[in-house]
Amino acid sequence: MKEINFNFYNKKVYYDKLSNGLEIYIYQNKEVKDIYTTFTTKYGSTINSFKLNNKSVNVPNGIAHFLEHKLFEQENGIDPMNFYSKTGSNCNAMTSYDYTSYVFSCNNSFKKNIDYLLDYVQKPYFTDKNIEKEKGIIIQEINMYKDMPEATIYEKLCYNLFNNHNLKHPIIGSVDEIKQITKEDIYNCYNAFYNPNNMFITITGNVDPIKTIEIIKNNQIKKEFINNNVIINEVKEPNNVYKDYEEKISNVEIPIVAYGIKIPISNIKLDMVILNYYLNIIFDLLFDTTSIFFEECINEGLLDSVIDIDYNSTDEHKIIVFEFKSKKYNDVINKINKVLSNIKIDENDLERRKKSRIIKLIYRFDSITAVNNLIIKNIISYNKLYENSYEIINNLNISELNDLIKNIDISNRSIYVIKNK
């Protein structure tokens, strides 16, 4: 076991890697009662084409989310929801574009709970019958979201932003794709990506690191795992968007707009974590609730809500998405275009935002959920935990920021509007 020290915050994360490849990250906080645990695989909805032991595998979209659901069905008939409710704990799971996590939180019975987490995720029970039953449940979920414009507009925009990359497709998949899923598909994905050497555990809260690692080791040593050879097929994505504008008529009182920017990053020489900090600072300064843009929109009666800003990434592009409601959405779009045509940020703005970022990081360590999520995002995005975040933020400078502004290409944009008749 080693310690990863966040010196500026006077915090540490304990780290260990087992012989089977499973990585463990533990953040101890004795000031809380609860323990928050996530068991994560580096496998999300964007992976649907790969080689498994030199065999080509192509599976329908939505299968990562489908697989997450199926692991909650156990051969003994006791599903995780029932188990954790009996121990007075909570459990959940989530699938994103690039990872899947299985979660529980508790303030007692920790050993029993973590053993069960490891056991149910590592003991799949897939049959033709239970897969067919699950299809109906997932299809019902898909149809439910069709009547929720605010829940689907981001996915609609992503479809138009991308040509080939699977960020183009909803995490949940489509009805036709779900119908195509087979037991063989599910096992291929599970065997490829649910191996300990592609997974990690993150535990945050009132927990003893040494005892916890021993519990996990004793659980894993009893199990055998096959190390399969997995190669994920690469997809080349052009810089241009698939469609730059689309409108849809729906039963909404106020039009909803998603405005997306697709930024190529192949020619940007900055480290990815530094680039991400700069992009967050740029677009937050330009469009969040403290911006001149937002103040003008409110004063002119253009916005009916705040602008939500979302950031996403592929290996080739950074994606920035603004979502907002407005009866005068064309005026808002024109103002966004105007701001983006002449981006100017001064040193005082940058210094103010740097301080804000550092404060947010400090507060994150007060929340066991937030720091758990921070660790997951670091591992998934950068394949390492950045313990020197303070130094990175503190070294951001106006010269480097202005060079980035001059050189980034923000010309590739797409807009999706949902409006009433």
Protein backbone atom coordinates (compact mmCIF):
# COMPACT_ATOMS: atom_id res chain seq x y z
CA MET A 1 0.00 0.00 0.00
CA LYS A 2 1.24 3.50 -0.78
CA GLU A 3 0.03 6.99 0.05
CA ILE A 4 -0.90 9.61 -2.56
CA ASN A 5 -0.52 12.93 -0.78
CA PHE A 6 -2.53 16.04 -1.62
CA ASN A 7 -0.08 18.28 0.22
CA PHE A 8 -1.85 21.61 -0.20
CA TYR A 9 -5.10 20.21 1.21
CA ASN A 10 -3.33 18.09 3.85
CA LYS A 11 -5.22 15.05 2.56
CA LYS A 12 -4.12 11.63 1.40
CA VAL A 13 -5.49 8.72 -0.62
CA TYR A 14 -4.28 5.20 0.08
CA TYR A 15 -3.55 3.08 -2.99
CA ASP A 16 -2.88 -0.58 -3.61
CA LYS A 17 -2.88 -2.87 -6.62
CA LEU A 18 -3.64 -6.55 -6.16
CA SER A 19 -1.90 -9.38 -8.00
CA ASN A 20 -4.98 -9.83 -10.24
CA GLY A 21 -4.69 -6.21 -11.40
CA LEU A 22 -7.53 -4.73 -9.31
CA GLU A 23 -6.69 -1.22 -8.10
CA ILE A 24 -7.92 0.17 -4.76
CA TYR A 25 -8.24 3.84 -3.80
CA ILE A 26 -9.21 4.73 -0.22
CA TYR A 27 -9.84 8.19 1.22
CA GLN A 28 -10.30 8.06 5.00
CA ASN A 29 -12.51 10.68 6.67
CA LYS A 30 -13.00 10.02 10.36
CA GLU A 31 -15.28 13.03 10.77
CA VAL A 32 -18.21 11.30 9.04
CA LYS A 33 -20.12 8.14 9.92
CA ASP A 34 -20.81 6.80 6.44
CA ILE A 35 -18.73 4.89 3.91
CA TYR A 36 -19.28 5.38 0.17
CA THR A 37 -17.97 2.62 -2.10
CA THR A 38 -17.83 2.32 -5.89
CA PHE A 39 -16.67 -0.64 -7.98
CA THR A 40 -15.92 0.67 -11.47
CA THR A 41 -15.08 -0.86 -14.83
CA LYS A 42 -13.44 1.21 -17.56
CA TYR A 43 -16.25 0.27 -19.89
CA GLY A 44 -19.10 2.48 -21.01
CA SER A 45 -21.61 2.86 -23.79
CA THR A 46 -19.18 4.09 -26.46
CA ILE A 47 -17.45 0.69 -26.75
CA ASN A 48 -19.32 -1.67 -29.06
CA SER A 49 -16.59 -2.96 -31.40
CA PHE A 50 -13.51 -4.82 -30.16
CA LYS A 51 -11.38 -7.92 -30.47
CA LEU A 52 -11.59 -10.53 -27.72
CA ASN A 53 -8.72 -13.03 -27.93
CA ASN A 54 -8.34 -12.18 -31.65
CA LYS A 55 -12.05 -12.69 -32.28
CA SER A 56 -13.90 -9.68 -33.70
CA VAL A 57 -16.90 -8.68 -31.61
CA ASN A 58 -19.54 -6.15 -32.65
CA VAL A 59 -22.49 -5.61 -30.31
CA PRO A 60 -25.59 -3.36 -30.35
CA ASN A 61 -25.55 0.09 -28.76
CA GLY A 62 -26.97 0.18 -25.25
CA ILE A 63 -25.35 -3.08 -24.19
CA ALA A 64 -23.16 -1.58 -21.40
CA HIS A 65 -26.28 -0.22 -19.69
CA PHE A 66 -28.12 -3.50 -20.34
CA LEU A 67 -25.25 -5.44 -18.73
CA GLU A 68 -25.34 -3.17 -15.69
CA HIS A 69 -29.03 -4.06 -15.23
CA LYS A 70 -28.41 -7.79 -15.65
CA LEU A 71 -25.79 -7.97 -12.89
CA PHE A 72 -28.54 -7.06 -10.43
CA GLU A 73 -30.18 -10.41 -11.17
CA GLN A 74 -28.50 -13.18 -9.20
CA GLU A 75 -28.87 -16.94 -9.55
CA ASN A 76 -29.98 -17.34 -5.93
CA GLY A 77 -32.86 -14.91 -6.50
CA ILE A 78 -31.58 -12.34 -3.98
CA ASP A 79 -30.85 -9.14 -5.86
CA PRO A 80 -28.52 -6.41 -4.51
CA MET A 81 -31.42 -4.05 -3.71
CA ASN A 82 -32.90 -6.60 -1.28
CA PHE A 83 -29.54 -7.52 0.21
CA TYR A 84 -28.49 -3.95 0.96
CA SER A 85 -31.87 -2.93 2.32
CA LYS A 86 -31.55 -5.72 4.90
CA THR A 87 -28.18 -4.34 6.04
CA GLY A 88 -29.62 -0.82 6.30
CA SER A 89 -27.55 0.33 3.32
CA ASN A 90 -28.21 1.91 -0.06
CA CYS A 91 -27.06 0.62 -3.42
CA ASN A 92 -27.17 1.77 -7.00
CA ALA A 93 -25.36 1.52 -10.32
CA MET A 94 -24.70 3.86 -13.21
CA THR A 95 -23.49 3.62 -16.80
CA SER A 96 -21.88 6.58 -18.54
CA TYR A 97 -20.30 6.97 -21.95
CA ASP A 98 -16.94 5.74 -20.65
CA TYR A 99 -17.42 3.76 -17.43
CA THR A 100 -19.86 1.73 -15.33
CA SER A 101 -19.96 1.91 -11.51
CA TYR A 102 -21.67 -0.22 -8.88
CA VAL A 103 -22.30 1.66 -5.65
CA PHE A 104 -23.25 1.16 -2.02
CA SER A 105 -23.20 3.45 1.00
CA CYS A 106 -23.48 2.34 4.61
CA ASN A 107 -22.57 3.15 8.21
CA ASN A 108 -22.44 -0.45 9.44
CA SER A 109 -21.87 -4.01 8.16
CA PHE A 110 -19.09 -2.73 5.88
CA LYS A 111 -17.27 -6.06 5.50
CA LYS A 112 -20.47 -7.88 4.62
CA ASN A 113 -21.42 -5.13 2.17
CA ILE A 114 -18.12 -4.93 0.30
CA ASP A 115 -17.82 -8.72 0.08
CA TYR A 116 -21.27 -8.82 -1.45
CA LEU A 117 -20.44 -6.02 -3.90
CA LEU A 118 -17.39 -7.89 -5.15
CA ASP A 119 -19.27 -11.17 -5.31
CA TYR A 120 -22.36 -10.06 -7.22
CA VAL A 121 -20.42 -8.02 -9.79
CA GLN A 122 -17.94 -10.86 -10.29
CA LYS A 123 -20.54 -13.62 -10.52
CA PRO A 124 -22.77 -12.96 -13.56
CA TYR A 125 -25.93 -14.93 -14.18
CA PHE A 126 -27.11 -14.49 -17.76
CA THR A 127 -29.72 -16.74 -19.36
CA ASP A 128 -31.73 -16.46 -22.55
CA LYS A 129 -34.87 -16.14 -20.45
CA ASN A 130 -33.73 -13.36 -18.12
CA ILE A 131 -32.20 -11.42 -21.02
CA GLU A 132 -35.49 -11.49 -22.93
CA LYS A 133 -37.31 -10.32 -19.80
CA GLU A 134 -34.87 -7.44 -19.38
CA LYS A 135 -35.41 -6.28 -22.94
CA GLY A 136 -39.01 -5.41 -22.13
CA ILE A 137 -37.93 -3.41 -19.08
CA ILE A 138 -35.29 -1.43 -21.00
CA ILE A 139 -37.62 -0.78 -23.95
CA GLN A 140 -40.23 0.56 -21.52
CA GLU A 141 -37.56 2.89 -20.08
CA ILE A 142 -36.59 4.09 -23.58
CA ASN A 143 -40.22 4.83 -24.47
CA MET A 144 -40.69 6.72 -21.21
CA TYR A 145 -37.77 9.05 -22.04
CA LYS A 146 -39.23 9.81 -25.46
CA ASP A 147 -41.84 11.97 -23.72
CA MET A 148 -39.21 13.89 -21.73
CA PRO A 149 -37.61 16.50 -24.05
CA GLU A 150 -35.30 17.90 -21.38
CA ALA A 151 -33.90 14.42 -20.72
CA THR A 152 -33.19 13.65 -24.37
CA ILE A 153 -32.08 16.94 -25.95
CA TYR A 154 -28.42 16.38 -25.01
CA GLU A 155 -28.47 13.00 -26.77
CA LYS A 156 -30.18 14.52 -29.82
CA LEU A 157 -27.46 17.16 -30.02
CA CYS A 158 -24.68 14.56 -29.67
CA TYR A 159 -26.18 12.63 -32.56
CA ASN A 160 -25.77 15.74 -34.72
CA LEU A 161 -22.31 16.65 -33.39
CA PHE A 162 -20.73 13.32 -34.33
CA ASN A 163 -20.41 11.36 -37.54
CA ASN A 164 -18.81 8.08 -36.44
CA HIS A 165 -17.98 8.18 -32.74
CA ASN A 166 -20.38 6.31 -30.45
CA LEU A 167 -20.93 9.39 -28.30
CA LYS A 168 -23.44 9.93 -31.09
CA HIS A 169 -25.71 7.26 -29.63
CA PRO A 170 -27.74 7.27 -26.38
CA ILE A 171 -26.27 5.34 -23.46
CA ILE A 172 -29.49 3.35 -23.16
CA GLY A 173 -29.59 2.42 -26.86
CA SER A 174 -32.63 2.30 -29.13
CA VAL A 175 -35.59 -0.09 -29.14
CA ASP A 176 -34.34 -1.90 -32.27
CA GLU A 177 -30.82 -2.24 -30.82
CA ILE A 178 -32.06 -3.63 -27.50
CA LYS A 179 -34.10 -6.26 -29.35
CA GLN A 180 -30.90 -7.52 -31.03
CA ILE A 181 -28.95 -8.21 -27.82
CA THR A 182 -28.11 -11.87 -27.19
CA LYS A 183 -26.68 -13.80 -24.24
CA GLU A 184 -23.46 -14.27 -26.24
CA ASP A 185 -23.17 -10.47 -26.67
CA ILE A 186 -23.55 -9.95 -22.94
CA TYR A 187 -20.95 -12.57 -22.03
CA ASN A 188 -18.48 -11.24 -24.61
CA CYS A 189 -18.70 -7.74 -23.10
CA TYR A 190 -18.53 -9.03 -19.56
CA ASN A 191 -15.50 -11.25 -20.25
CA ALA A 192 -13.73 -8.43 -22.07
CA PHE A 193 -14.24 -5.58 -19.64
CA TYR A 194 -15.22 -6.95 -16.21
CA ASN A 195 -11.80 -8.38 -15.47
CA PRO A 196 -10.07 -7.04 -12.32
CA ASN A 197 -7.24 -5.61 -14.42
CA ASN A 198 -9.78 -3.28 -16.06
CA MET A 199 -11.51 -2.30 -12.81
CA PHE A 200 -10.90 -0.32 -9.64
CA ILE A 201 -12.54 0.19 -6.25
CA THR A 202 -12.90 3.62 -4.65
CA ILE A 203 -13.81 3.81 -0.95
CA THR A 204 -14.35 7.12 0.83
CA GLY A 205 -15.46 7.78 4.38
CA ASN A 206 -14.94 6.46 7.90
CA VAL A 207 -12.97 3.37 6.97
CA ASP A 208 -9.70 1.77 8.05
CA PRO A 209 -7.47 1.52 4.93
CA ILE A 210 -5.30 -1.39 6.12
CA LYS A 211 -8.23 -3.55 7.25
CA THR A 212 -10.21 -2.69 4.11
CA ILE A 213 -7.43 -3.71 1.73
CA GLU A 214 -7.09 -6.97 3.67
CA ILE A 215 -10.82 -7.65 3.28
CA ILE A 216 -10.62 -7.09 -0.48
CA LYS A 217 -7.48 -9.24 -0.82
CA ASN A 218 -9.10 -12.13 1.08
CA ASN A 219 -12.14 -11.89 -1.18
CA GLN A 220 -10.17 -11.82 -4.41
CA ILE A 221 -7.65 -14.53 -3.54
CA LYS A 222 -10.48 -17.11 -3.52
CA LYS A 223 -11.40 -16.35 -7.13
CA GLU A 224 -9.83 -17.22 -10.46
CA PHE A 225 -9.88 -14.83 -13.41
CA ILE A 226 -8.90 -15.35 -17.03
CA ASN A 227 -6.83 -12.53 -18.51
CA ASN A 228 -8.32 -12.09 -21.95
CA ASN A 229 -6.60 -10.15 -24.71
CA VAL A 230 -8.85 -7.18 -25.57
CA ILE A 231 -8.26 -4.58 -28.27
CA ILE A 232 -10.83 -1.81 -28.69
CA ASN A 233 -11.35 -0.85 -32.31
CA GLU A 234 -10.51 2.79 -32.98
CA VAL A 235 -12.99 5.06 -34.72
CA LYS A 236 -11.79 8.08 -36.67
CA GLU A 237 -14.01 11.10 -36.20
CA PRO A 238 -13.80 14.10 -38.58
CA ASN A 239 -13.86 17.64 -37.21
CA ASN A 240 -17.05 18.68 -38.98
CA VAL A 241 -20.42 18.08 -37.32
CA TYR A 242 -22.96 15.68 -38.81
CA LYS A 243 -25.74 18.32 -38.84
CA ASP A 244 -25.40 21.94 -37.79
CA TYR A 245 -29.05 22.72 -37.03
CA GLU A 246 -32.27 20.83 -36.29
CA GLU A 247 -35.67 21.69 -34.86
CA LYS A 248 -38.28 19.40 -33.38
CA ILE A 249 -41.89 20.15 -32.50
CA SER A 250 -42.94 18.85 -29.08
CA ASN A 251 -45.28 19.62 -26.22
CA VAL A 252 -43.08 22.17 -24.41
CA GLU A 253 -44.23 25.45 -22.94
CA ILE A 254 -40.90 27.22 -23.52
CA PRO A 255 -38.47 26.22 -26.30
CA ILE A 256 -35.44 24.22 -25.14
CA VAL A 257 -32.10 24.68 -26.88
CA ALA A 258 -28.86 22.71 -26.88
CA TYR A 259 -25.91 24.49 -28.47
CA GLY A 260 -22.79 22.36 -28.97
CA ILE A 261 -19.18 23.12 -29.89
CA LYS A 262 -16.84 20.39 -31.14
CA ILE A 263 -13.19 21.37 -30.63
CA PRO A 264 -10.37 19.37 -32.30
CA ILE A 265 -7.50 18.72 -29.87
CA SER A 266 -4.93 16.82 -31.98
CA ASN A 267 -2.85 19.97 -32.51
CA ILE A 268 -3.13 21.28 -28.95
CA LYS A 269 0.11 20.60 -27.07
CA LEU A 270 -1.18 21.17 -23.55
CA ASP A 271 -1.50 18.35 -21.04
CA MET A 272 -5.13 17.19 -21.00
CA VAL A 273 -5.79 18.14 -17.39
CA ILE A 274 -4.44 21.65 -18.03
CA LEU A 275 -6.49 21.95 -21.23
CA ASN A 276 -9.62 20.93 -19.34
CA TYR A 277 -9.03 23.56 -16.66
CA TYR A 278 -8.56 26.25 -19.29
CA LEU A 279 -11.66 25.28 -21.26
CA ASN A 280 -13.78 25.21 -18.11
CA ILE A 281 -12.51 28.65 -17.14
CA ILE A 282 -13.07 30.11 -20.62
CA PHE A 283 -16.65 28.98 -21.06
CA ASP A 284 -17.67 29.52 -17.45
CA LEU A 285 -16.37 33.09 -17.63
CA LEU A 286 -18.21 33.72 -20.88
CA PHE A 287 -21.57 32.13 -20.10
CA ASP A 288 -22.23 31.25 -16.46
CA THR A 289 -24.49 33.23 -14.11
CA THR A 290 -21.73 35.73 -13.25
CA SER A 291 -20.95 36.55 -16.90
CA ILE A 292 -21.72 39.81 -18.74
CA PHE A 293 -23.55 37.68 -21.33
CA PHE A 294 -25.94 36.24 -18.74
CA GLU A 295 -26.56 39.63 -17.15
CA GLU A 296 -27.43 41.13 -20.54
CA CYS A 297 -29.76 38.22 -21.39
CA ILE A 298 -31.65 38.63 -18.12
CA ASN A 299 -31.90 42.42 -18.51
CA GLU A 300 -33.20 42.03 -22.06
CA GLY A 301 -35.69 39.31 -21.06
CA LEU A 302 -34.08 36.70 -23.32
CA LEU A 303 -33.53 33.80 -20.91
CA ASP A 304 -36.11 31.89 -18.89
CA SER A 305 -33.49 29.89 -16.96
CA VAL A 306 -29.77 29.69 -16.29
CA ILE A 307 -27.53 28.24 -18.98
CA ASP A 308 -26.32 24.76 -18.09
CA ILE A 309 -22.78 24.16 -19.35
CA ASP A 310 -21.66 20.56 -19.89
CA TYR A 311 -18.22 19.27 -20.89
CA ASN A 312 -17.38 15.98 -22.57
CA SER A 313 -14.43 14.45 -24.39
CA THR A 314 -13.26 11.91 -26.91
CA ASP A 315 -9.66 11.14 -27.81
CA GLU A 316 -9.92 13.62 -30.69
CA HIS A 317 -12.35 16.31 -29.53
CA LYS A 318 -13.57 18.37 -26.60
CA ILE A 319 -17.30 18.97 -26.48
CA ILE A 320 -18.92 22.00 -24.82
CA VAL A 321 -22.71 22.08 -24.64
CA PHE A 322 -24.96 24.94 -23.50
CA GLU A 323 -28.57 24.12 -22.62
CA PHE A 324 -31.18 26.80 -21.96
CA LYS A 325 -34.86 27.71 -22.26
CA SER A 326 -36.01 30.83 -24.09
CA LYS A 327 -38.99 32.07 -26.06
CA LYS A 328 -36.50 34.30 -27.87
CA TYR A 329 -33.95 31.57 -28.48
CA ASN A 330 -32.77 32.97 -31.81
CA ASP A 331 -31.70 36.15 -30.04
CA VAL A 332 -29.83 34.10 -27.43
CA ILE A 333 -28.12 32.04 -30.15
CA ASN A 334 -27.05 35.24 -31.93
CA LYS A 335 -25.60 36.60 -28.68
CA ILE A 336 -23.69 33.34 -28.08
CA ASN A 337 -22.27 33.55 -31.62
CA LYS A 338 -21.24 37.15 -31.01
CA VAL A 339 -19.43 36.30 -27.77
CA LEU A 340 -17.62 33.37 -29.38
CA SER A 341 -16.49 35.53 -32.30
CA ASN A 342 -14.47 37.77 -29.99
CA ILE A 343 -13.29 35.92 -26.87
CA LYS A 344 -11.45 38.17 -24.45
CA ILE A 345 -10.35 37.25 -20.93
CA ASP A 346 -8.15 39.40 -18.74
CA GLU A 347 -5.73 38.34 -16.04
CA ASN A 348 -7.98 39.42 -13.17
CA ASP A 349 -10.76 37.16 -14.47
CA LEU A 350 -8.36 34.25 -14.70
CA GLU A 351 -6.97 34.78 -11.20
CA ARG A 352 -10.46 34.99 -9.76
CA ARG A 353 -11.46 31.72 -11.41
CA LYS A 354 -8.29 29.98 -10.26
CA LYS A 355 -9.14 30.81 -6.66
CA SER A 356 -12.68 29.57 -7.20
CA ARG A 357 -11.40 26.25 -8.58
CA ILE A 358 -9.08 25.74 -5.62
CA ILE A 359 -11.89 26.45 -3.15
CA LYS A 360 -14.13 23.92 -4.94
CA LEU A 361 -11.41 21.28 -4.67
CA ILE A 362 -11.05 21.92 -0.94
CA TYR A 363 -14.80 21.56 -0.41
CA ARG A 364 -14.83 18.34 -2.42
CA PHE A 365 -12.74 16.64 0.23
CA ASP A 366 -15.47 17.40 2.78
CA SER A 367 -17.95 15.24 0.85
CA ILE A 368 -17.25 11.53 0.62
CA THR A 369 -19.45 11.30 -2.48
CA ALA A 370 -17.73 14.23 -4.22
CA VAL A 371 -14.20 13.01 -3.52
CA ASN A 372 -15.15 9.50 -4.65
CA ASN A 373 -16.42 10.96 -7.91
CA LEU A 374 -13.25 13.08 -8.23
CA ILE A 375 -11.09 9.95 -8.00
CA ILE A 376 -13.22 8.10 -10.56
CA LYS A 377 -13.10 10.99 -13.03
CA ASN A 378 -9.31 11.25 -12.68
CA ILE A 379 -8.77 7.55 -13.32
CA ILE A 380 -11.19 7.40 -16.25
CA SER A 381 -10.05 10.67 -17.88
CA TYR A 382 -6.30 10.55 -17.20
CA ASN A 383 -5.57 7.02 -15.94
CA LYS A 384 -4.00 8.52 -12.81
CA LEU A 385 -4.91 10.50 -9.73
CA TYR A 386 -3.64 14.08 -9.85
CA GLU A 387 -2.43 14.86 -6.35
CA ASN A 388 -0.89 18.16 -7.52
CA SER A 389 -4.15 19.79 -8.66
CA TYR A 390 -3.42 22.91 -6.61
CA GLU A 391 -0.06 23.43 -8.31
CA ILE A 392 -1.60 22.84 -11.74
CA ILE A 393 -4.35 25.39 -11.15
CA ASN A 394 -1.99 27.88 -9.54
CA ASN A 395 0.35 27.72 -12.55
CA LEU A 396 -2.34 28.54 -15.10
CA ASN A 397 -1.38 31.84 -16.71
CA ILE A 398 -2.90 34.45 -18.99
CA SER A 399 -0.24 34.08 -21.68
CA GLU A 400 -0.91 30.35 -22.10
CA LEU A 401 -4.65 30.95 -21.95
CA ASN A 402 -4.53 33.61 -24.69
CA ASP A 403 -2.40 31.34 -26.89
CA LEU A 404 -5.03 28.64 -26.48
CA ILE A 405 -7.84 31.07 -27.38
CA LYS A 406 -5.99 32.06 -30.56
CA ASN A 407 -5.40 28.48 -31.63
CA ILE A 408 -8.54 26.55 -30.71
CA ASP A 409 -11.01 25.91 -33.50
CA ILE A 410 -14.57 26.58 -32.29
CA SER A 411 -16.10 26.73 -35.76
CA ASN A 412 -17.67 23.26 -35.64
CA ARG A 413 -21.03 23.81 -33.96
CA SER A 414 -24.47 22.25 -33.87
CA ILE A 415 -27.78 23.51 -32.48
CA TYR A 416 -30.82 21.46 -31.54
CA VAL A 417 -34.13 23.20 -30.72
CA ILE A 418 -37.26 21.64 -29.23
CA LYS A 419 -40.19 24.03 -29.54
CA ASN A 420 -43.99 24.02 -29.48
CA LYS A 421 -46.31 24.54 -32.45
